[in-house]
PDB file of all heavy atoms in Angstrom:
ATOM      1  N   ILE A   1      34.879 -11.062   2.717  1.00  0.00           N
ATOM      2  CA  ILE A   1      34.705  -9.796   3.412  1.00  0.00           C
ATOM      3  C   ILE A   1      33.884 -10.032   4.670  1.00  0.00           C
ATOM      4  O   ILE A   1      32.830 -10.642   4.625  1.00  0.00           O
ATOM      5  CB  ILE A   1      34.000  -8.752   2.517  1.00  0.00           C
ATOM      6  CG1 ILE A   1      34.922  -8.389   1.334  1.00  0.00           C
ATOM      7  CG2 ILE A   1      33.644  -7.489   3.326  1.00  0.00           C
ATOM      8  CD1 ILE A   1      34.328  -7.370   0.349  1.00  0.00           C
ATOM      9  N   GLY A   2      34.404  -9.618   5.793  1.00  0.00           N
ATOM     10  CA  GLY A   2      33.725  -9.853   7.037  1.00  0.00           C
ATOM     11  C   GLY A   2      34.462  -9.199   8.210  1.00  0.00           C
ATOM     12  O   GLY A   2      35.225  -8.288   8.040  1.00  0.00           O
ATOM     13  N   VAL A   3      34.213  -9.779   9.388  1.00  0.00           N
ATOM     14  CA  VAL A   3      34.854  -9.304  10.609  1.00  0.00           C
ATOM     15  C   VAL A   3      35.462 -10.502  11.339  1.00  0.00           C
ATOM     16  O   VAL A   3      34.938 -11.584  11.290  1.00  0.00           O
ATOM     17  CB  VAL A   3      33.882  -8.566  11.504  1.00  0.00           C
ATOM     18  CG1 VAL A   3      33.429  -7.236  10.883  1.00  0.00           C
ATOM     19  CG2 VAL A   3      32.646  -9.411  11.810  1.00  0.00           C
ATOM     20  N   ALA A   4      36.570 -10.223  12.024  1.00  0.00           N
ATOM     21  CA  ALA A   4      37.244 -11.239  12.818  1.00  0.00           C
ATOM     22  C   ALA A   4      36.944 -10.915  14.282  1.00  0.00           C
ATOM     23  O   ALA A   4      37.268  -9.841  14.767  1.00  0.00           O
ATOM     24  CB  ALA A   4      38.727 -11.258  12.560  1.00  0.00           C
ATOM     25  N   PHE A   5      36.338 -11.876  14.986  1.00  0.00           N
ATOM     26  CA  PHE A   5      35.953 -11.683  16.379  1.00  0.00           C
ATOM     27  C   PHE A   5      37.039 -12.207  17.306  1.00  0.00           C
ATOM     28  O   PHE A   5      37.402 -13.378  17.231  1.00  0.00           O
ATOM     29  CB  PHE A   5      34.657 -12.399  16.673  1.00  0.00           C
ATOM     30  CG  PHE A   5      33.454 -11.825  15.953  1.00  0.00           C
ATOM     31  CD1 PHE A   5      33.085 -12.309  14.697  1.00  0.00           C
ATOM     32  CD2 PHE A   5      32.751 -10.780  16.514  1.00  0.00           C
ATOM     33  CE1 PHE A   5      31.976 -11.775  14.042  1.00  0.00           C
ATOM     34  CE2 PHE A   5      31.652 -10.239  15.860  1.00  0.00           C
ATOM     35  CZ  PHE A   5      31.288 -10.737  14.603  1.00  0.00           C
ATOM     36  N   ARG A   6      37.591 -11.360  18.169  1.00  0.00           N
ATOM     37  CA  ARG A   6      38.680 -11.706  19.067  1.00  0.00           C
ATOM     38  C   ARG A   6      38.256 -12.697  20.158  1.00  0.00           C
ATOM     39  O   ARG A   6      39.013 -13.585  20.530  1.00  0.00           O
ATOM     40  CB  ARG A   6      39.197 -10.476  19.813  1.00  0.00           C
ATOM     41  CG  ARG A   6      39.969  -9.530  18.987  1.00  0.00           C
ATOM     42  CD  ARG A   6      40.479  -8.398  19.867  1.00  0.00           C
ATOM     43  NE  ARG A   6      40.967  -7.269  19.170  1.00  0.00           N
ATOM     44  CZ  ARG A   6      42.264  -7.046  18.915  1.00  0.00           C
ATOM     45  NH1 ARG A   6      43.159  -7.896  19.319  1.00  0.00           N
ATOM     46  NH2 ARG A   6      42.620  -5.965  18.278  1.00  0.00           N
ATOM     47  N   ASP A   7      37.074 -12.553  20.714  1.00  0.00           N
ATOM     48  CA  ASP A   7      36.643 -13.296  21.912  1.00  0.00           C
ATOM     49  C   ASP A   7      36.167 -14.710  21.563  1.00  0.00           C
ATOM     50  O   ASP A   7      35.077 -14.869  21.028  1.00  0.00           O
ATOM     51  CB  ASP A   7      35.566 -12.532  22.615  1.00  0.00           C
ATOM     52  CG  ASP A   7      35.128 -13.157  23.939  1.00  0.00           C
ATOM     53  OD1 ASP A   7      35.708 -14.211  24.322  1.00  0.00           O
ATOM     54  OD2 ASP A   7      34.211 -12.638  24.582  1.00  0.00           O
ATOM     55  N   PRO A   8      36.918 -15.735  21.945  1.00  0.00           N
ATOM     56  CA  PRO A   8      36.489 -17.104  21.664  1.00  0.00           C
ATOM     57  C   PRO A   8      35.180 -17.503  22.323  1.00  0.00           C
ATOM     58  O   PRO A   8      34.501 -18.434  21.850  1.00  0.00           O
ATOM     59  CB  PRO A   8      37.650 -17.970  22.222  1.00  0.00           C
ATOM     60  CG  PRO A   8      38.790 -17.036  22.381  1.00  0.00           C
ATOM     61  CD  PRO A   8      38.232 -15.703  22.612  1.00  0.00           C
ATOM     62  N   GLN A   9      34.772 -16.818  23.392  1.00  0.00           N
ATOM     63  CA  GLN A   9      33.512 -17.141  24.006  1.00  0.00           C
ATOM     64  C   GLN A   9      32.334 -16.691  23.144  1.00  0.00           C
ATOM     65  O   GLN A   9      31.224 -17.170  23.320  1.00  0.00           O
ATOM     66  CB  GLN A   9      33.437 -16.491  25.397  1.00  0.00           C
ATOM     67  CG  GLN A   9      34.400 -17.128  26.370  1.00  0.00           C
ATOM     68  CD  GLN A   9      34.266 -16.597  27.752  1.00  0.00           C
ATOM     69  OE1 GLN A   9      33.462 -15.716  28.058  1.00  0.00           O
ATOM     70  NE2 GLN A   9      35.041 -17.157  28.651  1.00  0.00           N
ATOM     71  N   ARG A  10      32.563 -15.809  22.213  1.00  0.00           N
ATOM     72  CA  ARG A  10      31.524 -15.355  21.303  1.00  0.00           C
ATOM     73  C   ARG A  10      31.397 -16.289  20.085  1.00  0.00           C
ATOM     74  O   ARG A  10      30.410 -16.304  19.401  1.00  0.00           O
ATOM     75  CB  ARG A  10      31.864 -13.934  20.831  1.00  0.00           C
ATOM     76  CG  ARG A  10      30.822 -13.283  19.977  1.00  0.00           C
ATOM     77  CD  ARG A  10      31.199 -11.876  19.570  1.00  0.00           C
ATOM     78  NE  ARG A  10      31.180 -10.933  20.643  1.00  0.00           N
ATOM     79  CZ  ARG A  10      30.068 -10.283  21.010  1.00  0.00           C
ATOM     80  NH1 ARG A  10      28.958 -10.470  20.391  1.00  0.00           N
ATOM     81  NH2 ARG A  10      30.102  -9.419  22.015  1.00  0.00           N
ATOM     82  N   TRP A  11      32.432 -17.068  19.801  1.00  0.00           N
ATOM     83  CA  TRP A  11      32.470 -17.911  18.598  1.00  0.00           C
ATOM     84  C   TRP A  11      31.387 -18.996  18.654  1.00  0.00           C
ATOM     85  O   TRP A  11      31.170 -19.591  19.710  1.00  0.00           O
ATOM     86  CB  TRP A  11      33.828 -18.563  18.428  1.00  0.00           C
ATOM     87  CG  TRP A  11      34.968 -17.591  18.313  1.00  0.00           C
ATOM     88  CD1 TRP A  11      34.890 -16.242  18.128  1.00  0.00           C
ATOM     89  CD2 TRP A  11      36.358 -17.906  18.359  1.00  0.00           C
ATOM     90  NE1 TRP A  11      36.148 -15.707  18.069  1.00  0.00           N
ATOM     91  CE2 TRP A  11      37.088 -16.700  18.198  1.00  0.00           C
ATOM     92  CE3 TRP A  11      37.072 -19.084  18.533  1.00  0.00           C
ATOM     93  CZ2 TRP A  11      38.462 -16.647  18.192  1.00  0.00           C
ATOM     94  CZ3 TRP A  11      38.454 -19.005  18.516  1.00  0.00           C
ATOM     95  CH2 TRP A  11      39.160 -17.801  18.373  1.00  0.00           C
ATOM     96  N   PRO A  12      30.705 -19.251  17.577  1.00  0.00           N
ATOM     97  CA  PRO A  12      29.526 -20.169  17.555  1.00  0.00           C
ATOM     98  C   PRO A  12      29.930 -21.627  17.371  1.00  0.00           C
ATOM     99  O   PRO A  12      29.759 -22.220  16.313  1.00  0.00           O
ATOM    100  CB  PRO A  12      28.722 -19.671  16.399  1.00  0.00           C
ATOM    101  CG  PRO A  12      29.757 -19.130  15.435  1.00  0.00           C
ATOM    102  CD  PRO A  12      30.825 -18.539  16.296  1.00  0.00           C
ATOM    103  N   TYR A  13      30.455 -22.261  18.397  1.00  0.00           N
ATOM    104  CA  TYR A  13      30.859 -23.669  18.317  1.00  0.00           C
ATOM    105  C   TYR A  13      29.677 -24.573  17.960  1.00  0.00           C
ATOM    106  O   TYR A  13      29.876 -25.647  17.402  1.00  0.00           O
ATOM    107  CB  TYR A  13      31.488 -24.129  19.651  1.00  0.00           C
ATOM    108  CG  TYR A  13      32.687 -23.285  20.047  1.00  0.00           C
ATOM    109  CD1 TYR A  13      32.565 -22.324  21.059  1.00  0.00           C
ATOM    110  CD2 TYR A  13      33.889 -23.406  19.392  1.00  0.00           C
ATOM    111  CE1 TYR A  13      33.647 -21.541  21.410  1.00  0.00           C
ATOM    112  CE2 TYR A  13      34.974 -22.640  19.722  1.00  0.00           C
ATOM    113  CZ  TYR A  13      34.865 -21.686  20.737  1.00  0.00           C
ATOM    114  OH  TYR A  13      35.913 -20.897  21.078  1.00  0.00           O
ATOM    115  N   ASP A  14      28.502 -24.158  18.306  1.00  0.00           N
ATOM    116  CA  ASP A  14      27.309 -24.946  18.065  1.00  0.00           C
ATOM    117  C   ASP A  14      26.663 -24.631  16.712  1.00  0.00           C
ATOM    118  O   ASP A  14      25.600 -25.104  16.391  1.00  0.00           O
ATOM    119  CB  ASP A  14      26.257 -24.729  19.141  1.00  0.00           C
ATOM    120  CG  ASP A  14      25.802 -23.282  19.246  1.00  0.00           C
ATOM    121  OD1 ASP A  14      26.461 -22.391  18.664  1.00  0.00           O
ATOM    122  OD2 ASP A  14      24.792 -23.012  19.903  1.00  0.00           O
ATOM    123  N   GLY A  15      27.326 -23.816  15.888  1.00  0.00           N
ATOM    124  CA  GLY A  15      26.779 -23.426  14.558  1.00  0.00           C
ATOM    125  C   GLY A  15      25.928 -22.185  14.677  1.00  0.00           C
ATOM    126  O   GLY A  15      25.848 -21.540  15.703  1.00  0.00           O
ATOM    127  N   GLY A  16      25.304 -21.837  13.557  1.00  0.00           N
ATOM    128  CA  GLY A  16      24.378 -20.707  13.578  1.00  0.00           C
ATOM    129  C   GLY A  16      24.967 -19.352  13.277  1.00  0.00           C
ATOM    130  O   GLY A  16      24.312 -18.477  12.797  1.00  0.00           O
ATOM    131  N   GLY A  17      26.259 -19.183  13.491  1.00  0.00           N
ATOM    132  CA  GLY A  17      26.903 -17.937  13.192  1.00  0.00           C
ATOM    133  C   GLY A  17      26.600 -16.820  14.188  1.00  0.00           C
ATOM    134  O   GLY A  17      25.639 -16.888  14.928  1.00  0.00           O
ATOM    135  N   ILE A  18      27.422 -15.806  14.173  1.00  0.00           N
ATOM    136  CA  ILE A  18      27.245 -14.630  15.020  1.00  0.00           C
ATOM    137  C   ILE A  18      26.322 -13.646  14.337  1.00  0.00           C
ATOM    138  O   ILE A  18      25.390 -13.101  14.944  1.00  0.00           O
ATOM    139  CB  ILE A  18      28.583 -13.963  15.376  1.00  0.00           C
ATOM    140  CG1 ILE A  18      29.433 -14.922  16.182  1.00  0.00           C
ATOM    141  CG2 ILE A  18      28.375 -12.666  16.102  1.00  0.00           C
ATOM    142  CD1 ILE A  18      30.872 -14.477  16.394  1.00  0.00           C
ATOM    143  N   LEU A  19      26.541 -13.428  13.065  1.00  0.00           N
ATOM    144  CA  LEU A  19      25.709 -12.459  12.304  1.00  0.00           C
ATOM    145  C   LEU A  19      24.428 -13.077  11.761  1.00  0.00           C
ATOM    146  O   LEU A  19      23.452 -12.395  11.546  1.00  0.00           O
ATOM    147  CB  LEU A  19      26.530 -11.883  11.136  1.00  0.00           C
ATOM    148  CG  LEU A  19      27.820 -11.164  11.549  1.00  0.00           C
ATOM    149  CD1 LEU A  19      28.590 -10.729  10.308  1.00  0.00           C
ATOM    150  CD2 LEU A  19      27.539  -9.985  12.442  1.00  0.00           C
ATOM    151  N   GLN A  20      24.421 -14.371  11.516  1.00  0.00           N
ATOM    152  CA  GLN A  20      23.274 -15.012  10.904  1.00  0.00           C
ATOM    153  C   GLN A  20      22.252 -15.536  11.920  1.00  0.00           C
ATOM    154  O   GLN A  20      21.071 -15.720  11.556  1.00  0.00           O
ATOM    155  CB  GLN A  20      23.718 -16.194  10.033  1.00  0.00           C
ATOM    156  CG  GLN A  20      24.602 -15.775   8.875  1.00  0.00           C
ATOM    157  CD  GLN A  20      23.905 -14.857   7.920  1.00  0.00           C
ATOM    158  OE1 GLN A  20      22.739 -15.010   7.631  1.00  0.00           O
ATOM    159  NE2 GLN A  20      24.628 -13.867   7.387  1.00  0.00           N
ATOM    160  N   ASP A  21      22.654 -15.758  13.152  1.00  0.00           N
ATOM    161  CA  ASP A  21      21.737 -16.259  14.175  1.00  0.00           C
ATOM    162  C   ASP A  21      21.096 -15.045  14.908  1.00  0.00           C
ATOM    163  O   ASP A  21      21.814 -14.277  15.501  1.00  0.00           O
ATOM    164  CB  ASP A  21      22.513 -17.077  15.172  1.00  0.00           C
ATOM    165  CG  ASP A  21      21.671 -17.644  16.292  1.00  0.00           C
ATOM    166  OD1 ASP A  21      20.562 -17.138  16.554  1.00  0.00           O
ATOM    167  OD2 ASP A  21      22.136 -18.603  16.981  1.00  0.00           O
ATOM    168  N   PRO A  22      19.785 -14.913  14.779  1.00  0.00           N
ATOM    169  CA  PRO A  22      19.111 -13.738  15.374  1.00  0.00           C
ATOM    170  C   PRO A  22      19.395 -13.554  16.863  1.00  0.00           C
ATOM    171  O   PRO A  22      19.513 -12.424  17.327  1.00  0.00           O
ATOM    172  CB  PRO A  22      17.625 -13.987  15.124  1.00  0.00           C
ATOM    173  CG  PRO A  22      17.590 -14.922  13.963  1.00  0.00           C
ATOM    174  CD  PRO A  22      18.845 -15.747  14.055  1.00  0.00           C
ATOM    175  N   ASP A  23      19.502 -14.641  17.632  1.00  0.00           N
ATOM    176  CA  ASP A  23      19.785 -14.509  19.057  1.00  0.00           C
ATOM    177  C   ASP A  23      21.131 -13.903  19.330  1.00  0.00           C
ATOM    178  O   ASP A  23      21.325 -13.197  20.314  1.00  0.00           O
ATOM    179  CB  ASP A  23      19.672 -15.867  19.762  1.00  0.00           C
ATOM    180  CG  ASP A  23      18.236 -16.377  19.822  1.00  0.00           C
ATOM    181  OD1 ASP A  23      17.319 -15.587  19.769  1.00  0.00           O
ATOM    182  OD2 ASP A  23      18.063 -17.611  19.917  1.00  0.00           O
ATOM    183  N   ARG A  24      22.093 -14.157  18.431  1.00  0.00           N
ATOM    184  CA  ARG A  24      23.445 -13.593  18.603  1.00  0.00           C
ATOM    185  C   ARG A  24      23.563 -12.233  17.941  1.00  0.00           C
ATOM    186  O   ARG A  24      24.280 -11.361  18.419  1.00  0.00           O
ATOM    187  CB  ARG A  24      24.469 -14.544  17.979  1.00  0.00           C
ATOM    188  CG  ARG A  24      24.651 -15.855  18.766  1.00  0.00           C
ATOM    189  CD  ARG A  24      25.741 -16.694  18.140  1.00  0.00           C
ATOM    190  NE  ARG A  24      25.980 -17.870  18.924  1.00  0.00           N
ATOM    191  CZ  ARG A  24      25.758 -19.111  18.489  1.00  0.00           C
ATOM    192  NH1 ARG A  24      25.313 -19.321  17.296  1.00  0.00           N
ATOM    193  NH2 ARG A  24      26.005 -20.149  19.269  1.00  0.00           N
ATOM    194  N   SER A  25      22.868 -12.030  16.814  1.00  0.00           N
ATOM    195  CA  SER A  25      23.059 -10.794  16.086  1.00  0.00           C
ATOM    196  C   SER A  25      22.237  -9.624  16.671  1.00  0.00           C
ATOM    197  O   SER A  25      22.633  -8.464  16.568  1.00  0.00           O
ATOM    198  CB  SER A  25      22.731 -10.953  14.590  1.00  0.00           C
ATOM    199  OG  SER A  25      21.369 -11.294  14.427  1.00  0.00           O
ATOM    200  N   TYR A  26      21.104  -9.944  17.270  1.00  0.00           N
ATOM    201  CA  TYR A  26      20.216  -8.882  17.822  1.00  0.00           C
ATOM    202  C   TYR A  26      20.984  -7.936  18.751  1.00  0.00           C
ATOM    203  O   TYR A  26      20.946  -6.717  18.520  1.00  0.00           O
ATOM    204  CB  TYR A  26      19.008  -9.494  18.508  1.00  0.00           C
ATOM    205  CG  TYR A  26      18.154  -8.490  19.238  1.00  0.00           C
ATOM    206  CD1 TYR A  26      17.272  -7.656  18.529  1.00  0.00           C
ATOM    207  CD2 TYR A  26      18.206  -8.355  20.629  1.00  0.00           C
ATOM    208  CE1 TYR A  26      16.508  -6.714  19.194  1.00  0.00           C
ATOM    209  CE2 TYR A  26      17.450  -7.430  21.280  1.00  0.00           C
ATOM    210  CZ  TYR A  26      16.586  -6.594  20.557  1.00  0.00           C
ATOM    211  OH  TYR A  26      15.815  -5.665  21.220  1.00  0.00           O
ATOM    212  N   PRO A  27      21.661  -8.409  19.794  1.00  0.00           N
ATOM    213  CA  PRO A  27      22.332  -7.447  20.656  1.00  0.00           C
ATOM    214  C   PRO A  27      23.444  -6.672  19.951  1.00  0.00           C
ATOM    215  O   PRO A  27      23.665  -5.509  20.234  1.00  0.00           O
ATOM    216  CB  PRO A  27      22.909  -8.319  21.799  1.00  0.00           C
ATOM    217  CG  PRO A  27      22.589  -9.711  21.518  1.00  0.00           C
ATOM    218  CD  PRO A  27      21.778  -9.764  20.278  1.00  0.00           C
ATOM    219  N   LEU A  28      24.130  -7.329  19.056  1.00  0.00           N
ATOM    220  CA  LEU A  28      25.189  -6.667  18.291  1.00  0.00           C
ATOM    221  C   LEU A  28      24.620  -5.539  17.408  1.00  0.00           C
ATOM    222  O   LEU A  28      25.180  -4.445  17.381  1.00  0.00           O
ATOM    223  CB  LEU A  28      25.868  -7.735  17.429  1.00  0.00           C
ATOM    224  CG  LEU A  28      27.073  -7.312  16.609  1.00  0.00           C
ATOM    225  CD1 LEU A  28      28.048  -8.461  16.551  1.00  0.00           C
ATOM    226  CD2 LEU A  28      26.666  -6.887  15.244  1.00  0.00           C
ATOM    227  N   LEU A  29      23.527  -5.831  16.720  1.00  0.00           N
ATOM    228  CA  LEU A  29      22.917  -4.800  15.861  1.00  0.00           C
ATOM    229  C   LEU A  29      22.284  -3.709  16.684  1.00  0.00           C
ATOM    230  O   LEU A  29      22.367  -2.504  16.328  1.00  0.00           O
ATOM    231  CB  LEU A  29      21.917  -5.436  14.915  1.00  0.00           C
ATOM    232  CG  LEU A  29      22.448  -6.479  13.935  1.00  0.00           C
ATOM    233  CD1 LEU A  29      21.330  -7.059  13.108  1.00  0.00           C
ATOM    234  CD2 LEU A  29      23.518  -5.888  13.059  1.00  0.00           C
ATOM    235  N   LYS A  30      21.623  -4.047  17.733  1.00  0.00           N
ATOM    236  CA  LYS A  30      20.944  -3.053  18.597  1.00  0.00           C
ATOM    237  C   LYS A  30      21.893  -2.156  19.334  1.00  0.00           C
ATOM    238  O   LYS A  30      21.780  -0.911  19.315  1.00  0.00           O
ATOM    239  CB  LYS A  30      19.994  -3.751  19.555  1.00  0.00           C
ATOM    240  CG  LYS A  30      19.099  -2.806  20.317  1.00  0.00           C
ATOM    241  CD  LYS A  30      18.088  -3.559  21.151  1.00  0.00           C
ATOM    242  CE  LYS A  30      17.156  -2.645  21.861  1.00  0.00           C
ATOM    243  NZ  LYS A  30      17.753  -1.672  22.722  1.00  0.00           N
ATOM    244  N   ASP A  31      22.868  -2.754  19.982  1.00  0.00           N
ATOM    245  CA  ASP A  31      23.767  -1.986  20.873  1.00  0.00           C
ATOM    246  C   ASP A  31      25.137  -1.732  20.312  1.00  0.00           C
ATOM    247  O   ASP A  31      25.903  -0.966  20.901  1.00  0.00           O
ATOM    248  CB  ASP A  31      23.917  -2.744  22.208  1.00  0.00           C
ATOM    249  CG  ASP A  31      22.574  -2.997  22.884  1.00  0.00           C
ATOM    250  OD1 ASP A  31      21.687  -2.116  22.793  1.00  0.00           O
ATOM    251  OD2 ASP A  31      22.397  -4.081  23.486  1.00  0.00           O
ATOM    252  N   GLY A  32      25.493  -2.384  19.239  1.00  0.00           N
ATOM    253  CA  GLY A  32      26.858  -2.218  18.700  1.00  0.00           C
ATOM    254  C   GLY A  32      27.837  -3.135  19.383  1.00  0.00           C
ATOM    255  O   GLY A  32      27.467  -3.990  20.209  1.00  0.00           O
ATOM    256  N   LEU A  33      29.086  -2.929  19.052  1.00  0.00           N
ATOM    257  CA  LEU A  33      30.121  -3.799  19.578  1.00  0.00           C
ATOM    258  C   LEU A  33      31.365  -2.954  19.756  1.00  0.00           C
ATOM    259  O   LEU A  33      31.736  -2.159  18.879  1.00  0.00           O
ATOM    260  CB  LEU A  33      30.411  -4.899  18.538  1.00  0.00           C
ATOM    261  CG  LEU A  33      31.313  -6.048  18.900  1.00  0.00           C
ATOM    262  CD1 LEU A  33      30.682  -6.884  20.042  1.00  0.00           C
ATOM    263  CD2 LEU A  33      31.542  -6.924  17.714  1.00  0.00           C
ATOM    264  N   PRO A  34      32.029  -3.016  20.899  1.00  0.00           N
ATOM    265  CA  PRO A  34      33.269  -2.251  21.094  1.00  0.00           C
ATOM    266  C   PRO A  34      34.285  -2.605  19.999  1.00  0.00           C
ATOM    267  O   PRO A  34      34.453  -3.786  19.676  1.00  0.00           O
ATOM    268  CB  PRO A  34      33.760  -2.656  22.472  1.00  0.00           C
ATOM    269  CG  PRO A  34      32.559  -3.264  23.144  1.00  0.00           C
ATOM    270  CD  PRO A  34      31.701  -3.825  22.056  1.00  0.00           C
ATOM    271  N   GLU A  35      34.910  -1.617  19.481  1.00  0.00           N
ATOM    272  CA  GLU A  35      35.911  -1.821  18.407  1.00  0.00           C
ATOM    273  C   GLU A  35      36.975  -2.832  18.789  1.00  0.00           C
ATOM    274  O   GLU A  35      37.435  -3.607  17.964  1.00  0.00           O
ATOM    275  CB  GLU A  35      36.579  -0.499  18.019  1.00  0.00           C
ATOM    276  CG  GLU A  35      37.325  -0.510  16.739  1.00  0.00           C
ATOM    277  CD  GLU A  35      36.485  -0.719  15.493  1.00  0.00           C
ATOM    278  OE1 GLU A  35      35.342  -0.192  15.440  1.00  0.00           O
ATOM    279  OE2 GLU A  35      36.934  -1.431  14.586  1.00  0.00           O
ATOM    280  N   GLU A  36      37.357  -2.855  20.080  1.00  0.00           N
ATOM    281  CA  GLU A  36      38.396  -3.795  20.502  1.00  0.00           C
ATOM    282  C   GLU A  36      37.930  -5.264  20.486  1.00  0.00           C
ATOM    283  O   GLU A  36      38.729  -6.166  20.619  1.00  0.00           O
ATOM    284  CB  GLU A  36      38.950  -3.425  21.910  1.00  0.00           C
ATOM    285  CG  GLU A  36      37.933  -3.470  23.004  1.00  0.00           C
ATOM    286  CD  GLU A  36      37.156  -2.143  23.249  1.00  0.00           C
ATOM    287  OE1 GLU A  36      37.264  -1.224  22.412  1.00  0.00           O
ATOM    288  OE2 GLU A  36      36.426  -2.117  24.213  1.00  0.00           O
ATOM    289  N   SER A  37      36.638  -5.493  20.272  1.00  0.00           N
ATOM    290  CA  SER A  37      36.085  -6.840  20.137  1.00  0.00           C
ATOM    291  C   SER A  37      36.488  -7.475  18.801  1.00  0.00           C
ATOM    292  O   SER A  37      36.372  -8.668  18.617  1.00  0.00           O
ATOM    293  CB  SER A  37      34.626  -6.844  20.254  1.00  0.00           C
ATOM    294  OG  SER A  37      34.236  -6.391  21.514  1.00  0.00           O
ATOM    295  N   LEU A  38      36.872  -6.620  17.856  1.00  0.00           N
ATOM    296  CA  LEU A  38      37.201  -7.090  16.528  1.00  0.00           C
ATOM    297  C   LEU A  38      38.700  -7.028  16.259  1.00  0.00           C
ATOM    298  O   LEU A  38      39.372  -6.055  16.709  1.00  0.00           O
ATOM    299  CB  LEU A  38      36.489  -6.270  15.480  1.00  0.00           C
ATOM    300  CG  LEU A  38      34.951  -6.234  15.598  1.00  0.00           C
ATOM    301  CD1 LEU A  38      34.371  -5.259  14.589  1.00  0.00           C
ATOM    302  CD2 LEU A  38      34.375  -7.615  15.467  1.00  0.00           C
ATOM    303  N   LEU A  39      39.243  -7.991  15.556  1.00  0.00           N
ATOM    304  CA  LEU A  39      40.646  -7.994  15.178  1.00  0.00           C
ATOM    305  C   LEU A  39      40.803  -7.133  13.915  1.00  0.00           C
ATOM    306  O   LEU A  39      40.094  -7.386  12.939  1.00  0.00           O
ATOM    307  CB  LEU A  39      41.136  -9.422  14.921  1.00  0.00           C
ATOM    308  CG  LEU A  39      42.566  -9.607  14.529  1.00  0.00           C
ATOM    309  CD1 LEU A  39      43.432  -9.351  15.781  1.00  0.00           C
ATOM    310  CD2 LEU A  39      42.801 -11.018  14.044  1.00  0.00           C
ATOM    311  N   PRO A  40      41.636  -6.121  13.929  1.00  0.00           N
ATOM    312  CA  PRO A  40      41.786  -5.248  12.779  1.00  0.00           C
ATOM    313  C   PRO A  40      42.659  -5.806  11.639  1.00  0.00           C
ATOM    314  O   PRO A  40      43.347  -5.104  10.964  1.00  0.00           O
ATOM    315  CB  PRO A  40      42.355  -3.956  13.350  1.00  0.00           C
ATOM    316  CG  PRO A  40      43.169  -4.423  14.500  1.00  0.00           C
ATOM    317  CD  PRO A  40      42.431  -5.632  15.076  1.00  0.00           C
TER     318      PRO A  40
END
């Protein structure tokens, strides 16, 4: 269960995750994410 992120520039090639890495998750949790950023 999760989310599929469309934008390859957001993908964590260096590890850490998008949701698990505070530097990546903070803006997402604070400001949200446009629905079109996620693959339905």
